[in-house]
C-alpha cells in the first residue's frame, strides 16, 4: 500500500486546479468556488458521522476517504499543503490538549482526552 498517497492525491488536485478540464469533478469544484468546496466538506463530514453511527467499517472508510479528498481540495484552494498540516500535528505531538488549548474539560472526560 502506498503510504504517500496523500501527497500524490494533493499533487493531482493541484494539477486539476491549474488545468480546469471539463471532465473532472475536481475542476468543477474549483470552478464553482470556495463556497461549493466548503459545502462538500460539510456534507462529507455529516456522512462520516452517519457511517460511524452504525453503517459498518467499510462504509466508514469510504466516507472518511471522501472527506479527506474534499479536505485536500479545500487545502489546495487555500494554499495549505499537507506539510503544513504535518508540521502542526508534529508540533502538537506529545503536548496535552488540555495544556495547549487551556481546556476546562476534566482529563477523564471524552472532551479532555
N, C-alpha and C. Protein backbone atom coordinates (compact mmCIF):
# COMPACT_ATOMS: atom_id res chain seq x y z
N UNK A 1 0.85 -1.18 0.00
CA UNK A 1 0.00 0.00 0.00
C UNK A 1 0.89 1.24 0.00
N UNK A 2 0.56 2.16 -0.85
CA UNK A 2 1.33 3.41 -0.97
C UNK A 2 1.06 4.32 0.23
N UNK A 3 2.10 4.62 0.98
CA UNK A 3 1.96 5.46 2.17
C UNK A 3 1.98 6.95 1.85
N UNK A 4 2.40 7.32 0.68
CA UNK A 4 2.48 8.74 0.30
C UNK A 4 1.28 9.13 -0.55
N UNK A 5 0.19 8.42 -0.42
CA UNK A 5 -0.98 8.66 -1.27
C UNK A 5 -1.55 10.06 -1.06
N UNK A 6 -1.47 10.59 0.14
CA UNK A 6 -2.00 11.94 0.39
C UNK A 6 -1.23 12.95 -0.44
N UNK A 7 0.08 12.84 -0.45
CA UNK A 7 0.89 13.77 -1.25
C UNK A 7 0.61 13.59 -2.74
N UNK A 8 0.46 12.34 -3.18
CA UNK A 8 0.17 12.09 -4.60
C UNK A 8 -1.19 12.66 -4.98
N UNK A 9 -2.19 12.43 -4.14
CA UNK A 9 -3.53 12.94 -4.42
C UNK A 9 -3.52 14.47 -4.41
N UNK A 10 -2.82 15.07 -3.45
CA UNK A 10 -2.74 16.53 -3.38
C UNK A 10 -2.10 17.09 -4.65
N UNK A 11 -1.06 16.42 -5.16
CA UNK A 11 -0.40 16.87 -6.40
C UNK A 11 -1.37 16.82 -7.58
N UNK A 12 -2.18 15.78 -7.67
CA UNK A 12 -3.18 15.70 -8.74
C UNK A 12 -4.21 16.82 -8.59
N UNK A 13 -4.64 17.08 -7.36
CA UNK A 13 -5.60 18.16 -7.11
C UNK A 13 -5.01 19.50 -7.55
N UNK A 14 -3.74 19.74 -7.25
CA UNK A 14 -3.09 20.98 -7.70
C UNK A 14 -3.04 21.05 -9.22
N UNK A 15 -2.79 19.94 -9.88
CA UNK A 15 -2.80 19.91 -11.34
C UNK A 15 -4.18 20.27 -11.88
N UNK A 16 -5.21 19.71 -11.27
CA UNK A 16 -6.59 20.00 -11.71
C UNK A 16 -6.94 21.46 -11.47
N UNK A 17 -6.41 22.03 -10.42
CA UNK A 17 -6.67 23.44 -10.13
C UNK A 17 -6.06 24.33 -11.21
N UNK A 18 -4.90 23.93 -11.72
CA UNK A 18 -4.21 24.71 -12.75
C UNK A 18 -4.80 24.45 -14.14
N UNK A 19 -5.28 23.24 -14.39
CA UNK A 19 -5.78 22.84 -15.71
C UNK A 19 -7.23 22.42 -15.56
N UNK A 20 -8.13 23.34 -15.67
CA UNK A 20 -9.55 23.11 -15.37
C UNK A 20 -10.27 22.38 -16.50
N UNK A 21 -10.03 21.09 -16.59
CA UNK A 21 -10.67 20.27 -17.61
C UNK A 21 -12.17 20.16 -17.35
N UNK A 22 -12.92 20.02 -18.41
CA UNK A 22 -14.38 19.91 -18.30
C UNK A 22 -14.83 18.59 -17.70
N UNK A 23 -14.06 17.54 -17.89
CA UNK A 23 -14.49 16.21 -17.48
C UNK A 23 -14.00 15.82 -16.08
N UNK A 24 -13.57 16.78 -15.28
CA UNK A 24 -13.01 16.50 -13.97
C UNK A 24 -13.90 17.06 -12.86
N UNK A 25 -14.27 16.19 -11.92
CA UNK A 25 -15.04 16.61 -10.76
C UNK A 25 -14.26 17.65 -9.95
N UNK A 26 -12.97 17.41 -9.78
CA UNK A 26 -12.13 18.33 -9.02
C UNK A 26 -12.12 19.71 -9.67
N UNK A 27 -11.98 19.75 -10.98
CA UNK A 27 -12.00 21.03 -11.70
C UNK A 27 -13.34 21.74 -11.51
N UNK A 28 -14.41 20.96 -11.53
CA UNK A 28 -15.74 21.53 -11.34
C UNK A 28 -15.85 22.19 -9.96
N UNK A 29 -15.30 21.53 -8.94
CA UNK A 29 -15.31 22.13 -7.60
C UNK A 29 -14.57 23.46 -7.60
N UNK A 30 -13.40 23.49 -8.21
CA UNK A 30 -12.64 24.75 -8.26
C UNK A 30 -13.38 25.82 -9.05
N UNK A 31 -14.03 25.44 -10.13
CA UNK A 31 -14.81 26.42 -10.91
C UNK A 31 -15.95 27.00 -10.10
N UNK A 32 -16.61 26.16 -9.32
CA UNK A 32 -17.74 26.63 -8.52
C UNK A 32 -17.30 27.49 -7.34
N UNK A 33 -16.06 27.29 -6.89
CA UNK A 33 -15.52 28.18 -5.88
C UNK A 33 -15.54 27.64 -4.46
N UNK A 34 -15.04 28.47 -3.60
CA UNK A 34 -14.83 28.11 -2.21
C UNK A 34 -16.12 27.69 -1.50
N UNK A 35 -17.21 28.39 -1.75
CA UNK A 35 -18.46 28.04 -1.07
C UNK A 35 -18.89 26.62 -1.40
N UNK A 36 -18.74 26.20 -2.65
CA UNK A 36 -19.09 24.83 -3.04
C UNK A 36 -18.16 23.82 -2.37
N UNK A 37 -16.88 24.15 -2.31
CA UNK A 37 -15.92 23.26 -1.65
C UNK A 37 -16.27 23.12 -0.17
N UNK A 38 -16.57 24.22 0.48
CA UNK A 38 -16.95 24.19 1.89
C UNK A 38 -18.22 23.38 2.10
N UNK A 39 -19.18 23.55 1.22
CA UNK A 39 -20.43 22.79 1.30
C UNK A 39 -20.14 21.29 1.23
N UNK A 40 -19.26 20.89 0.31
CA UNK A 40 -18.93 19.47 0.16
C UNK A 40 -18.20 18.95 1.39
N UNK A 41 -17.31 19.74 1.97
CA UNK A 41 -16.62 19.31 3.20
C UNK A 41 -17.65 19.06 4.30
N UNK A 42 -18.60 19.98 4.44
CA UNK A 42 -19.65 19.81 5.45
C UNK A 42 -20.50 18.58 5.21
N UNK A 43 -20.91 18.37 3.96
CA UNK A 43 -21.72 17.19 3.62
C UNK A 43 -20.97 15.91 3.92
N UNK A 44 -19.70 15.88 3.55
CA UNK A 44 -18.90 14.67 3.77
C UNK A 44 -18.68 14.43 5.26
N UNK A 45 -18.51 15.49 6.04
CA UNK A 45 -18.34 15.33 7.48
C UNK A 45 -19.60 14.70 8.10
N UNK A 46 -20.76 15.14 7.66
CA UNK A 46 -22.02 14.56 8.15
C UNK A 46 -22.10 13.08 7.75
N UNK A 47 -21.70 12.76 6.54
CA UNK A 47 -21.73 11.37 6.09
C UNK A 47 -20.78 10.50 6.90
N UNK A 48 -19.64 11.05 7.33
CA UNK A 48 -18.73 10.31 8.20
C UNK A 48 -19.41 10.01 9.53
N UNK A 49 -20.07 11.01 10.08
CA UNK A 49 -20.77 10.82 11.36
C UNK A 49 -21.83 9.74 11.24
N UNK A 50 -22.62 9.80 10.19
CA UNK A 50 -23.68 8.80 10.00
C UNK A 50 -23.09 7.40 9.82
N UNK A 51 -22.02 7.29 9.07
CA UNK A 51 -21.39 5.99 8.87
C UNK A 51 -20.84 5.44 10.18
N UNK A 52 -20.29 6.32 11.01
CA UNK A 52 -19.73 5.90 12.30
C UNK A 52 -20.81 5.47 13.28
N UNK A 53 -22.04 5.88 13.02
CA UNK A 53 -23.15 5.55 13.91
C UNK A 53 -23.80 4.22 13.55
N UNK A 54 -23.09 3.36 12.83
CA UNK A 54 -23.65 2.03 12.65
C UNK A 54 -23.71 1.50 11.23
N UNK A 55 -23.04 2.13 10.29
CA UNK A 55 -23.08 1.64 8.92
C UNK A 55 -21.93 0.69 8.62
N UNK A 56 -21.09 0.42 9.59
CA UNK A 56 -20.02 -0.53 9.43
C UNK A 56 -18.71 0.11 9.00
N UNK A 57 -17.64 -0.64 9.24
CA UNK A 57 -16.30 -0.14 8.98
C UNK A 57 -16.08 0.18 7.50
N UNK A 58 -16.54 -0.68 6.61
CA UNK A 58 -16.33 -0.46 5.17
C UNK A 58 -16.93 0.87 4.72
N UNK A 59 -18.15 1.15 5.15
CA UNK A 59 -18.79 2.41 4.78
C UNK A 59 -18.09 3.59 5.44
N UNK A 60 -17.65 3.41 6.68
CA UNK A 60 -16.93 4.48 7.37
C UNK A 60 -15.62 4.81 6.63
N UNK A 61 -14.88 3.81 6.23
CA UNK A 61 -13.64 4.04 5.48
C UNK A 61 -13.94 4.78 4.18
N UNK A 62 -15.01 4.38 3.50
CA UNK A 62 -15.41 5.04 2.25
C UNK A 62 -15.70 6.52 2.49
N UNK A 63 -16.48 6.81 3.51
CA UNK A 63 -16.85 8.21 3.80
C UNK A 63 -15.66 9.01 4.31
N UNK A 64 -14.79 8.39 5.11
CA UNK A 64 -13.58 9.09 5.56
C UNK A 64 -12.71 9.46 4.36
N UNK A 65 -12.64 8.57 3.40
CA UNK A 65 -11.85 8.85 2.18
C UNK A 65 -12.44 10.02 1.41
N UNK A 66 -13.77 10.06 1.29
CA UNK A 66 -14.42 11.20 0.63
C UNK A 66 -14.12 12.50 1.37
N UNK A 67 -14.22 12.47 2.68
CA UNK A 67 -13.95 13.67 3.47
C UNK A 67 -12.49 14.11 3.31
N UNK A 68 -11.58 13.17 3.36
CA UNK A 68 -10.17 13.51 3.20
C UNK A 68 -9.90 14.14 1.84
N UNK A 69 -10.48 13.57 0.79
CA UNK A 69 -10.32 14.15 -0.55
C UNK A 69 -10.83 15.60 -0.57
N UNK A 70 -12.02 15.84 -0.05
CA UNK A 70 -12.59 17.19 -0.07
C UNK A 70 -11.79 18.15 0.81
N UNK A 71 -11.22 17.65 1.91
CA UNK A 71 -10.34 18.49 2.72
C UNK A 71 -9.08 18.87 1.93
N UNK A 72 -8.55 17.94 1.15
CA UNK A 72 -7.39 18.24 0.32
C UNK A 72 -7.72 19.29 -0.75
N UNK A 73 -8.92 19.22 -1.30
CA UNK A 73 -9.35 20.23 -2.27
C UNK A 73 -9.42 21.59 -1.57
N UNK A 74 -9.99 21.63 -0.38
CA UNK A 74 -10.05 22.89 0.38
C UNK A 74 -8.65 23.40 0.70
N UNK A 75 -7.77 22.50 1.08
CA UNK A 75 -6.39 22.90 1.36
C UNK A 75 -5.75 23.52 0.13
N UNK A 76 -5.93 22.90 -1.03
CA UNK A 76 -5.37 23.45 -2.27
C UNK A 76 -5.96 24.82 -2.57
N UNK A 77 -7.25 24.96 -2.37
CA UNK A 77 -7.92 26.24 -2.61
C UNK A 77 -7.34 27.34 -1.73
N UNK A 78 -6.97 26.97 -0.51
CA UNK A 78 -6.48 27.94 0.47
C UNK A 78 -4.96 28.03 0.55
N UNK A 79 -4.25 27.24 -0.27
CA UNK A 79 -2.80 27.29 -0.25
C UNK A 79 -2.16 26.61 0.94
N UNK A 80 -2.87 25.67 1.53
CA UNK A 80 -2.35 24.90 2.66
C UNK A 80 -1.84 23.57 2.11
N UNK A 81 -0.64 23.18 2.49
CA UNK A 81 -0.06 21.94 1.99
C UNK A 81 -0.17 20.84 3.04
N UNK A 82 -0.07 19.59 2.61
CA UNK A 82 -0.01 18.51 3.61
C UNK A 82 1.14 18.73 4.60
N UNK A 83 2.26 19.26 4.12
CA UNK A 83 3.39 19.52 5.00
C UNK A 83 3.04 20.53 6.09
N UNK A 84 2.19 21.52 5.75
CA UNK A 84 1.73 22.48 6.75
C UNK A 84 0.98 21.75 7.87
N UNK A 85 0.12 20.84 7.47
CA UNK A 85 -0.68 20.09 8.45
C UNK A 85 0.22 19.14 9.24
N UNK A 86 1.13 18.46 8.55
CA UNK A 86 2.07 17.57 9.25
C UNK A 86 2.86 18.36 10.28
N UNK A 87 3.30 19.55 9.92
CA UNK A 87 4.05 20.39 10.85
C UNK A 87 3.24 20.74 12.09
N UNK A 88 1.98 21.08 11.88
CA UNK A 88 1.11 21.41 13.02
C UNK A 88 0.90 20.18 13.90
N UNK A 89 0.66 19.04 13.28
CA UNK A 89 0.48 17.81 14.05
C UNK A 89 1.75 17.45 14.82
N UNK A 90 2.89 17.62 14.17
CA UNK A 90 4.17 17.35 14.83
C UNK A 90 4.36 18.26 16.03
N UNK A 91 3.99 19.53 15.89
CA UNK A 91 4.13 20.48 16.99
C UNK A 91 3.23 20.10 18.16
N UNK A 92 2.11 19.46 17.86
CA UNK A 92 1.17 19.06 18.91
C UNK A 92 1.53 17.71 19.53
N UNK A 93 2.36 16.93 18.85
CA UNK A 93 2.66 15.58 19.30
C UNK A 93 3.29 15.61 20.68
N UNK A 94 2.69 14.87 21.60
CA UNK A 94 3.21 14.80 22.95
C UNK A 94 2.80 15.96 23.83
N UNK A 95 1.99 16.88 23.30
CA UNK A 95 1.51 18.02 24.08
C UNK A 95 0.06 17.75 24.45
N UNK A 96 -0.24 17.79 25.72
CA UNK A 96 -1.60 17.55 26.17
C UNK A 96 -2.54 18.57 25.56
N UNK A 97 -3.68 18.11 25.10
CA UNK A 97 -4.70 19.02 24.58
C UNK A 97 -5.17 19.99 25.64
N UNK A 98 -5.12 19.57 26.88
CA UNK A 98 -5.52 20.46 27.97
C UNK A 98 -4.54 21.62 28.10
N UNK A 99 -3.25 21.31 28.03
CA UNK A 99 -2.25 22.37 28.15
C UNK A 99 -2.26 23.28 26.94
N UNK A 100 -2.44 22.71 25.75
CA UNK A 100 -2.38 23.50 24.52
C UNK A 100 -3.57 24.46 24.42
N UNK A 101 -4.77 23.95 24.72
CA UNK A 101 -5.96 24.76 24.48
C UNK A 101 -6.46 25.48 25.73
N UNK A 102 -5.93 25.13 26.89
CA UNK A 102 -6.46 25.70 28.11
C UNK A 102 -7.86 25.19 28.41
N UNK A 103 -8.16 24.00 27.93
CA UNK A 103 -9.48 23.40 28.07
C UNK A 103 -9.87 23.25 29.53
N UNK A 104 -11.14 23.38 29.80
CA UNK A 104 -11.67 23.20 31.14
C UNK A 104 -12.25 21.81 31.36
N UNK A 105 -12.15 20.94 30.34
CA UNK A 105 -12.69 19.59 30.46
C UNK A 105 -11.81 18.77 31.40
N UNK A 106 -12.42 17.98 32.29
CA UNK A 106 -11.62 17.11 33.15
C UNK A 106 -10.82 16.12 32.31
N UNK A 107 -9.63 15.71 32.77
CA UNK A 107 -8.79 14.82 31.98
C UNK A 107 -9.46 13.50 31.65
N UNK A 108 -10.40 13.03 32.46
CA UNK A 108 -11.01 11.73 32.20
C UNK A 108 -12.30 11.84 31.38
N UNK A 109 -12.69 13.05 30.97
CA UNK A 109 -13.88 13.18 30.14
C UNK A 109 -13.51 12.97 28.68
N UNK A 110 -14.48 12.57 27.83
CA UNK A 110 -14.17 12.39 26.40
C UNK A 110 -13.61 13.66 25.78
N UNK A 111 -14.08 14.81 26.23
CA UNK A 111 -13.62 16.06 25.65
C UNK A 111 -12.20 16.39 26.08
N UNK A 112 -11.77 15.85 27.22
CA UNK A 112 -10.44 16.14 27.73
C UNK A 112 -9.40 15.11 27.34
N UNK A 113 -9.84 14.08 26.63
CA UNK A 113 -8.90 13.00 26.26
C UNK A 113 -7.89 13.45 25.26
